[in-house]
Amino acid sequence: MEKYLVKLPIDKEKIEKYMDVISKYAFAIGLFIELTIVLLDKSAYIIQYEGWWFRVTFLLFGLSLITTKREAKQWIWFGIFAIIGFISYKETGRNEILRWVVFIWSCYGKDMKKVLKYTFWYTVFGCAIITLFSIFGIYGEIARTEIYRAGPMGEGAIYETRYCFGMGHPNAFHCMMLVITWLGIYCYHEKLKWYGYALIGVFHIIVFLFTDSKTGLLMSIGTLSLVAIVKCWKKLQSSIWPYLLAIGVMATCIYLSVLMAKYCVNLPILAKLDGYLTGRIFSLWNTTNNEGMLHTWSLWSESRNSYYFDLGIVRFFYWFGIIPGIIYFIAQCRLLWCSYKRNDYMLAVIITVITIYTVFEAHFVSDYMGRNYILFFFGMYLSDMIGVGQKNKSDVSKMKMIK
């Protein structure tokens, strides 16, 4: 019988090459769509069929994932986190965690330094287009006149004109400039000179004059201060202290967020802080069920937890649940440990400022995966974090390993 069977020649190397091409193109198209959705959301454009676009990117990243050669143990870890994402989906109706897991695993085998630089420049280009369109009156508002600051009962309310440059709100514009700055500093900090950082500082002062976003200005000053410290104090670059600081800041921010969710403005210190935050904490009381308050948190959250507010860490635990929240922040600690072993000190700086910012702003906690650069860092360090597979090609391969 065997003599009648035709044996087809199989070139495994060629098949693997084709699979690698499919994986890279699927990932690139999915990333392009996700970043475009982020930019369209920031503009005045109303995205049509948004949920379907998320399904398309989910399938593209899934295709990239399955066409990438990887070890069996990686699939086991993927299965564990995919189950967590599936449980979250069944309990809340939200598919974000499942989408995150597929995206992170699809990053394996990609040149993530190039991915981050592409993300940076594409976002810069998109923001520039939105800004110019508003300035020349082509599309979107250049400025808005409304009440931006007022007490919980409306006291001290005055109308102000601030510039949003096509992004709907002045804070949204300064927010995008801030996150672009963080990503740019991470990608190019080895090449940036002192005058480059000085220009970044001047840029944010100019942005503040148009937006009057005090949070954006303070975060930009804080970022540049931390960068200056680690750049000038060379010993810190190979020390564990920046990473311990990042973990300490993370723990403090989570504790502060729990206090906000439990007491709102009933604690004098929170009431005073809320005065600087223009009522962000008090806003938790502005719904029938006090959405976001500690009594609305649960282990896996639930489908009715869909209210939007600015407190990012509170929103994470409220939207996704206590268990996913703990897993996410433990994963960030693991990420910091892996970055310490690779001497990636700037990542510790970026995670520190992102964590602080997320206490008061929910930019990184949203439906839009392209906003959350932490997911990109998870993907870059995936092999290090789970201890399986080859280290990502370019992630931080040129950095000195700590012995």
Protein backbone atom coordinates (compact mmCIF):
# COMPACT_ATOMS: atom_id res chain seq x y z
CA MET A 1 0.00 0.00 0.00
CA GLU A 2 2.83 2.34 0.85
CA LYS A 3 4.19 2.28 -2.69
CA TYR A 4 0.97 3.91 -3.97
CA LEU A 5 1.23 6.84 -1.53
CA VAL A 6 2.71 10.04 -2.88
CA LYS A 7 5.10 11.74 -0.50
CA LEU A 8 4.92 15.49 -0.82
CA PRO A 9 8.13 17.40 -0.14
CA ILE A 10 7.79 19.62 2.93
CA ASP A 11 10.24 22.44 3.38
CA LYS A 12 9.92 23.23 7.08
CA GLU A 13 12.24 26.24 6.88
CA LYS A 14 10.16 27.80 4.12
CA ILE A 15 6.93 27.17 6.04
CA GLU A 16 8.39 28.76 9.16
CA LYS A 17 9.52 31.73 7.08
CA TYR A 18 6.00 32.21 5.67
CA MET A 19 4.49 31.87 9.12
CA ASP A 20 6.89 34.50 10.45
CA VAL A 21 5.88 36.91 7.66
CA ILE A 22 2.18 36.32 8.37
CA SER A 23 2.79 36.90 12.09
CA LYS A 24 4.60 40.19 11.54
CA TYR A 25 2.10 41.57 9.02
CA ALA A 26 -0.90 40.59 11.15
CA PHE A 27 0.69 42.27 14.16
CA ALA A 28 1.57 45.42 12.19
CA ILE A 29 -1.95 45.80 10.75
CA GLY A 30 -3.55 45.18 14.15
CA LEU A 31 -1.27 47.75 15.80
CA PHE A 32 -1.99 50.31 13.07
CA ILE A 33 -5.74 49.92 13.60
CA GLU A 34 -5.47 50.15 17.40
CA LEU A 35 -3.35 53.33 17.26
CA THR A 36 -5.67 54.86 14.66
CA ILE A 37 -8.66 54.19 16.92
CA VAL A 38 -6.87 55.98 19.78
CA LEU A 39 -6.24 59.03 17.60
CA LEU A 40 -9.79 59.09 16.21
CA ASP A 41 -11.18 58.83 19.75
CA LYS A 42 -9.11 61.87 20.78
CA SER A 43 -10.39 63.84 17.80
CA ALA A 44 -13.93 65.13 17.19
CA TYR A 45 -14.67 62.14 14.96
CA ILE A 46 -17.27 59.63 16.17
CA ILE A 47 -15.92 56.13 15.56
CA GLN A 48 -18.40 53.89 13.77
CA TYR A 49 -18.65 50.19 14.68
CA GLU A 50 -15.95 50.52 17.32
CA GLY A 51 -16.65 47.09 18.81
CA TRP A 52 -16.20 45.44 15.42
CA TRP A 53 -12.83 47.11 14.95
CA PHE A 54 -11.75 45.67 18.31
CA ARG A 55 -12.83 42.24 17.11
CA VAL A 56 -10.74 42.69 13.96
CA THR A 57 -7.61 43.61 15.93
CA PHE A 58 -8.26 40.73 18.34
CA LEU A 59 -8.28 38.31 15.40
CA LEU A 60 -5.18 39.89 13.85
CA PHE A 61 -3.19 39.69 17.08
CA GLY A 62 -4.52 36.15 17.55
CA LEU A 63 -3.29 35.24 14.06
CA SER A 64 0.10 36.75 14.89
CA LEU A 65 0.16 34.77 18.12
CA ILE A 66 -0.56 31.35 16.60
CA THR A 67 1.84 31.82 13.67
CA THR A 68 4.79 32.62 15.94
CA LYS A 69 7.01 29.70 16.86
CA ARG A 70 7.22 29.35 20.65
CA GLU A 71 7.89 26.78 23.36
CA ALA A 72 5.14 24.64 24.88
CA LYS A 73 5.58 26.26 28.30
CA GLN A 74 4.69 29.62 26.76
CA TRP A 75 1.38 28.15 25.65
CA ILE A 76 0.74 26.95 29.19
CA TRP A 77 1.28 30.46 30.58
CA PHE A 78 -0.86 31.87 27.80
CA GLY A 79 -3.63 29.42 28.69
CA ILE A 80 -3.53 30.48 32.36
CA PHE A 81 -3.88 34.18 31.56
CA ALA A 82 -6.40 33.53 28.79
CA ILE A 83 -8.58 31.75 31.39
CA ILE A 84 -8.31 34.82 33.63
CA GLY A 85 -9.37 36.98 30.69
CA PHE A 86 -12.26 34.63 29.88
CA ILE A 87 -13.50 34.68 33.49
CA SER A 88 -13.37 38.48 33.43
CA TYR A 89 -15.37 38.48 30.20
CA LYS A 90 -18.03 36.13 31.60
CA GLU A 91 -18.37 38.13 34.83
CA THR A 92 -18.27 41.67 33.43
CA GLY A 93 -19.02 41.44 29.71
CA ARG A 94 -15.74 43.34 29.16
CA ASN A 95 -13.22 41.70 26.84
CA GLU A 96 -10.29 44.04 27.55
CA ILE A 97 -8.23 41.60 29.63
CA LEU A 98 -8.61 38.84 27.04
CA ARG A 99 -7.56 41.30 24.32
CA TRP A 100 -4.56 42.40 26.44
CA VAL A 101 -3.39 38.81 26.92
CA VAL A 102 -3.58 38.02 23.19
CA PHE A 103 -1.76 41.28 22.35
CA ILE A 104 1.02 40.69 24.91
CA TRP A 105 1.68 37.15 23.67
CA SER A 106 1.60 38.33 20.06
CA CYS A 107 4.52 40.66 20.88
CA TYR A 108 6.81 37.65 21.26
CA GLY A 109 9.35 37.47 18.46
CA LYS A 110 8.79 41.10 17.40
CA ASP A 111 11.36 43.88 17.53
CA MET A 112 9.61 45.76 20.32
CA LYS A 113 12.02 48.69 20.34
CA LYS A 114 10.99 49.35 16.73
CA VAL A 115 7.34 48.81 17.66
CA LEU A 116 7.61 51.42 20.41
CA LYS A 117 9.34 53.90 18.10
CA TYR A 118 6.68 53.31 15.42
CA THR A 119 3.98 53.87 18.05
CA PHE A 120 5.69 57.10 19.12
CA TRP A 121 6.06 58.59 15.64
CA TYR A 122 2.64 57.50 14.39
CA THR A 123 1.03 59.05 17.47
CA VAL A 124 3.06 62.26 17.03
CA PHE A 125 2.00 62.43 13.38
CA GLY A 126 -1.67 61.80 14.23
CA CYS A 127 -1.71 64.42 16.98
CA ALA A 128 -0.04 66.92 14.65
CA ILE A 129 -2.74 66.35 12.01
CA ILE A 130 -5.55 66.77 14.56
CA THR A 131 -3.92 69.97 15.88
CA LEU A 132 -3.33 71.50 12.46
CA PHE A 133 -6.85 70.66 11.28
CA SER A 134 -8.30 72.53 14.26
CA ILE A 135 -5.97 75.53 13.84
CA PHE A 136 -6.90 75.96 10.17
CA GLY A 137 -10.61 75.35 10.84
CA ILE A 138 -10.76 72.16 8.79
CA TYR A 139 -12.07 69.87 11.53
CA GLY A 140 -12.51 70.03 15.30
CA GLU A 141 -12.63 72.89 17.80
CA ILE A 142 -9.47 74.84 18.54
CA ALA A 143 -10.78 76.10 21.90
CA ARG A 144 -13.68 75.65 24.33
CA THR A 145 -15.34 78.16 26.64
CA GLU A 146 -16.92 76.53 29.68
CA ILE A 147 -16.64 76.07 33.44
CA TYR A 148 -13.45 74.11 34.13
CA ARG A 149 -13.04 74.55 37.88
CA ALA A 150 -15.74 74.71 40.54
CA GLY A 151 -16.43 73.36 44.03
CA PRO A 152 -18.63 70.30 44.66
CA MET A 153 -21.72 72.51 44.90
CA GLY A 154 -20.69 74.76 42.01
CA GLU A 155 -19.03 77.43 44.12
CA GLY A 156 -16.32 79.50 42.47
CA ALA A 157 -17.49 78.57 38.98
CA ILE A 158 -16.32 80.87 36.21
CA TYR A 159 -16.29 80.52 32.45
CA GLU A 160 -12.85 80.20 30.87
CA THR A 161 -11.57 79.79 27.33
CA ARG A 162 -8.89 77.14 26.94
CA TYR A 163 -7.36 75.51 23.90
CA CYS A 164 -7.95 71.85 23.09
CA PHE A 165 -6.62 71.84 19.49
CA GLY A 166 -9.21 69.42 18.15
CA MET A 167 -9.06 66.94 21.06
CA GLY A 168 -12.33 67.82 22.77
CA HIS A 169 -10.88 69.04 26.06
CA PRO A 170 -7.73 70.98 27.06
CA ASN A 171 -6.75 68.28 29.57
CA ALA A 172 -7.04 65.64 26.82
CA PHE A 173 -4.62 67.62 24.64
CA HIS A 174 -2.04 68.05 27.41
CA CYS A 175 -2.52 64.38 28.34
CA MET A 176 -1.59 63.26 24.82
CA MET A 177 1.44 65.56 24.81
CA LEU A 178 2.47 64.07 28.15
CA VAL A 179 2.18 60.39 27.18
CA ILE A 180 3.98 61.08 23.89
CA THR A 181 6.77 62.67 25.95
CA TRP A 182 7.04 59.59 28.17
CA LEU A 183 7.23 57.21 25.24
CA GLY A 184 9.70 59.45 23.42
CA ILE A 185 11.96 59.73 26.48
CA TYR A 186 11.95 55.96 26.91
CA CYS A 187 12.79 55.33 23.24
CA TYR A 188 15.44 58.03 22.84
CA HIS A 189 16.83 58.79 26.31
CA GLU A 190 20.24 57.38 25.36
CA LYS A 191 20.55 59.94 22.53
CA LEU A 192 18.88 62.96 24.15
CA LYS A 193 21.21 65.69 25.42
CA TRP A 194 20.47 68.12 28.24
CA TYR A 195 19.16 70.73 25.82
CA GLY A 196 16.74 68.15 24.43
CA TYR A 197 15.18 67.76 27.86
CA ALA A 198 15.20 71.56 28.26
CA LEU A 199 13.22 71.90 25.03
CA ILE A 200 10.74 69.31 26.32
CA GLY A 201 10.29 71.42 29.46
CA VAL A 202 9.75 74.61 27.42
CA PHE A 203 7.28 72.75 25.20
CA HIS A 204 5.17 71.69 28.18
CA ILE A 205 5.20 75.22 29.62
CA ILE A 206 3.85 76.50 26.28
CA VAL A 207 1.20 73.74 26.24
CA PHE A 208 0.22 74.72 29.80
CA LEU A 209 -0.23 78.36 28.76
CA PHE A 210 -2.81 77.21 26.21
CA THR A 211 -4.53 74.46 28.24
CA ASP A 212 -4.05 75.58 31.86
CA SER A 213 -3.75 71.89 32.75
CA LYS A 214 -1.97 71.99 36.10
CA THR A 215 -1.84 68.19 36.30
CA GLY A 216 -0.10 68.02 32.94
CA LEU A 217 2.44 70.68 33.91
CA LEU A 218 3.21 69.13 37.31
CA MET A 219 3.61 65.66 35.79
CA SER A 220 5.95 66.98 33.10
CA ILE A 221 8.06 68.77 35.74
CA GLY A 222 8.10 65.62 37.89
CA THR A 223 9.13 63.47 34.91
CA LEU A 224 11.99 65.74 33.90
CA SER A 225 13.13 65.98 37.53
CA LEU A 226 13.31 62.19 37.89
CA VAL A 227 15.08 61.84 34.55
CA ALA A 228 17.60 64.53 35.57
CA ILE A 229 18.32 62.71 38.84
CA VAL A 230 19.01 59.32 37.22
CA LYS A 231 21.00 60.93 34.39
CA CYS A 232 23.17 63.05 36.67
CA TRP A 233 23.59 60.46 39.42
CA LYS A 234 25.14 57.67 37.36
CA LYS A 235 25.24 55.18 40.22
CA LEU A 236 21.43 55.11 40.26
CA GLN A 237 21.40 53.69 36.75
CA SER A 238 22.80 50.37 37.99
CA SER A 239 21.20 50.55 41.43
CA ILE A 240 18.05 48.82 42.60
CA TRP A 241 16.71 52.02 44.20
CA PRO A 242 14.82 53.41 41.17
CA TYR A 243 12.95 50.11 40.90
CA LEU A 244 12.21 49.96 44.63
CA LEU A 245 10.97 53.57 44.40
CA ALA A 246 8.67 52.58 41.53
CA ILE A 247 7.24 49.67 43.56
CA GLY A 248 6.87 51.89 46.63
CA VAL A 249 5.08 54.55 44.60
CA MET A 250 2.81 51.87 43.14
CA ALA A 251 1.88 50.55 46.60
CA THR A 252 1.29 54.10 47.89
CA CYS A 253 -0.90 55.00 44.91
CA ILE A 254 -3.01 51.85 45.33
CA TYR A 255 -3.42 52.58 49.06
CA LEU A 256 -4.41 56.19 48.31
CA SER A 257 -6.92 54.99 45.70
CA VAL A 258 -8.47 52.56 48.20
CA LEU A 259 -8.83 55.43 50.70
CA MET A 260 -10.54 57.53 48.02
CA ALA A 261 -12.91 54.68 47.21
CA LYS A 262 -13.70 54.06 50.88
CA TYR A 263 -13.97 57.58 52.30
CA CYS A 264 -14.39 59.84 49.26
CA VAL A 265 -13.96 63.36 50.73
CA ASN A 266 -14.87 62.40 54.31
CA LEU A 267 -11.20 62.46 55.30
CA PRO A 268 -9.84 66.03 55.67
CA ILE A 269 -6.70 65.21 53.69
CA LEU A 270 -8.78 63.80 50.81
CA ALA A 271 -11.13 66.79 50.91
CA LYS A 272 -8.14 69.12 50.62
CA LEU A 273 -6.63 67.00 47.83
CA ASP A 274 -9.96 67.04 46.01
CA GLY A 275 -9.81 70.82 45.95
CA TYR A 276 -6.67 70.58 43.82
CA LEU A 277 -8.20 67.81 41.69
CA THR A 278 -11.28 69.87 40.75
CA GLY A 279 -13.75 67.43 42.31
CA ARG A 280 -12.41 64.20 40.86
CA ILE A 281 -12.77 62.36 44.19
CA PHE A 282 -16.16 63.88 44.96
CA SER A 283 -17.39 62.72 41.55
CA LEU A 284 -17.66 59.19 43.00
CA TRP A 285 -20.72 60.47 44.89
CA ASN A 286 -22.35 61.90 41.77
CA THR A 287 -24.23 58.70 40.86
CA THR A 288 -27.21 56.92 42.38
CA ASN A 289 -25.15 54.00 43.66
CA ASN A 290 -21.94 55.99 44.30
CA GLU A 291 -20.21 54.07 41.50
CA GLY A 292 -16.51 53.48 42.13
CA MET A 293 -16.85 53.57 45.90
CA LEU A 294 -15.46 50.55 47.75
CA HIS A 295 -18.87 48.88 48.19
CA THR A 296 -19.14 48.60 44.36
CA TRP A 297 -15.86 46.65 44.13
CA SER A 298 -15.91 42.84 43.97
CA LEU A 299 -13.49 40.01 43.25
CA TRP A 300 -14.24 39.88 39.51
CA SER A 301 -16.45 42.97 39.16
CA GLU A 302 -19.79 42.72 37.32
CA SER A 303 -21.46 43.89 34.13
CA ARG A 304 -23.17 46.92 35.69
CA ASN A 305 -19.80 48.41 36.73
CA SER A 306 -19.47 50.54 33.62
CA TYR A 307 -19.43 54.11 34.96
CA TYR A 308 -16.66 56.44 33.74
CA PHE A 309 -14.70 58.69 36.10
CA ASP A 310 -11.18 60.14 36.17
CA LEU A 311 -9.58 58.19 39.04
CA GLY A 312 -7.65 55.59 37.03
CA ILE A 313 -6.63 53.04 39.66
CA VAL A 314 -10.09 53.18 41.27
CA ARG A 315 -11.59 52.64 37.82
CA PHE A 316 -9.36 49.60 37.22
CA PHE A 317 -10.52 47.79 40.37
CA TYR A 318 -14.13 48.92 39.80
CA TRP A 319 -14.24 47.82 36.14
CA PHE A 320 -12.23 44.60 36.30
CA GLY A 321 -12.32 43.48 39.92
CA ILE A 322 -9.96 43.05 42.85
CA ILE A 323 -8.33 39.81 41.61
CA PRO A 324 -7.43 41.13 38.13
CA GLY A 325 -6.28 44.38 39.75
CA ILE A 326 -3.91 42.56 42.11
CA ILE A 327 -2.60 40.35 39.26
CA TYR A 328 -1.99 43.42 37.07
CA PHE A 329 0.02 45.28 39.69
CA ILE A 330 1.97 42.16 40.68
CA ALA A 331 2.81 41.79 36.98
CA GLN A 332 4.09 45.39 37.01
CA CYS A 333 6.33 44.52 39.98
CA ARG A 334 7.62 41.50 38.05
CA LEU A 335 8.21 43.76 35.05
CA LEU A 336 10.26 46.11 37.21
CA TRP A 337 12.35 43.24 38.57
CA CYS A 338 13.07 41.99 35.05
CA SER A 339 13.96 45.49 33.89
CA TYR A 340 16.33 45.82 36.87
CA LYS A 341 18.15 42.64 35.80
CA ARG A 342 18.57 44.19 32.35
CA ASN A 343 19.57 47.60 33.72
CA ASP A 344 16.60 49.28 32.01
CA TYR A 345 16.46 52.13 34.53
CA MET A 346 14.37 54.46 32.35
CA LEU A 347 11.51 51.98 32.43
CA ALA A 348 11.41 52.37 36.22
CA VAL A 349 11.10 56.15 35.77
CA ILE A 350 8.32 55.84 33.18
CA ILE A 351 6.33 53.31 35.24
CA THR A 352 6.65 55.59 38.30
CA VAL A 353 5.18 58.64 36.55
CA ILE A 354 2.49 56.61 34.76
CA THR A 355 1.39 55.12 38.09
CA ILE A 356 1.16 58.53 39.78
CA TYR A 357 -0.72 59.98 36.80
CA THR A 358 -3.17 57.06 36.76
CA VAL A 359 -4.30 57.88 40.31
CA PHE A 360 -5.91 61.08 38.99
CA GLU A 361 -6.40 60.40 35.27
CA ALA A 362 -7.78 57.26 33.61
CA HIS A 363 -6.05 57.58 30.24
CA PHE A 364 -4.34 54.19 30.68
CA VAL A 365 -7.53 52.47 31.90
CA SER A 366 -9.87 52.47 28.93
CA ASP A 367 -11.34 50.42 26.11
CA TYR A 368 -8.42 51.48 23.91
CA MET A 369 -5.46 49.13 24.10
CA GLY A 370 -3.22 51.48 22.14
CA ARG A 371 -3.29 53.96 25.02
CA ASN A 372 -1.73 51.64 27.56
CA TYR A 373 2.03 51.53 26.96
CA ILE A 374 2.46 49.23 29.98
CA LEU A 375 1.02 46.45 27.80
CA PHE A 376 3.79 47.08 25.24
CA PHE A 377 6.39 46.78 28.01
CA PHE A 378 4.78 43.52 29.19
CA GLY A 379 5.10 42.23 25.62
CA MET A 380 8.71 43.36 25.39
CA TYR A 381 9.65 41.56 28.60
CA LEU A 382 7.33 38.56 28.18
CA SER A 383 10.11 35.94 28.04
CA ASP A 384 11.85 37.44 31.07
CA MET A 385 8.63 37.66 33.07
CA ILE A 386 7.52 34.05 32.55
CA GLY A 387 11.05 32.63 32.30
CA VAL A 388 10.29 30.87 29.02
CA GLY A 389 11.45 31.48 25.45
CA GLN A 390 14.13 33.53 23.78
CA LYS A 391 14.61 37.09 24.96
CA ASN A 392 12.82 39.57 22.72
CA LYS A 393 15.08 40.49 19.82
CA SER A 394 15.88 44.05 20.43
CA ASP A 395 14.07 44.82 23.50
CA VAL A 396 17.01 45.70 25.64
CA SER A 397 19.61 43.42 24.18
CA LYS A 398 22.29 46.14 24.14
CA MET A 399 21.90 46.89 27.82
CA LYS A 400 24.43 45.64 30.34
CA MET A 401 23.19 42.58 32.20
CA ILE A 402 23.47 42.77 36.01
CA LYS A 403 25.67 40.00 37.30
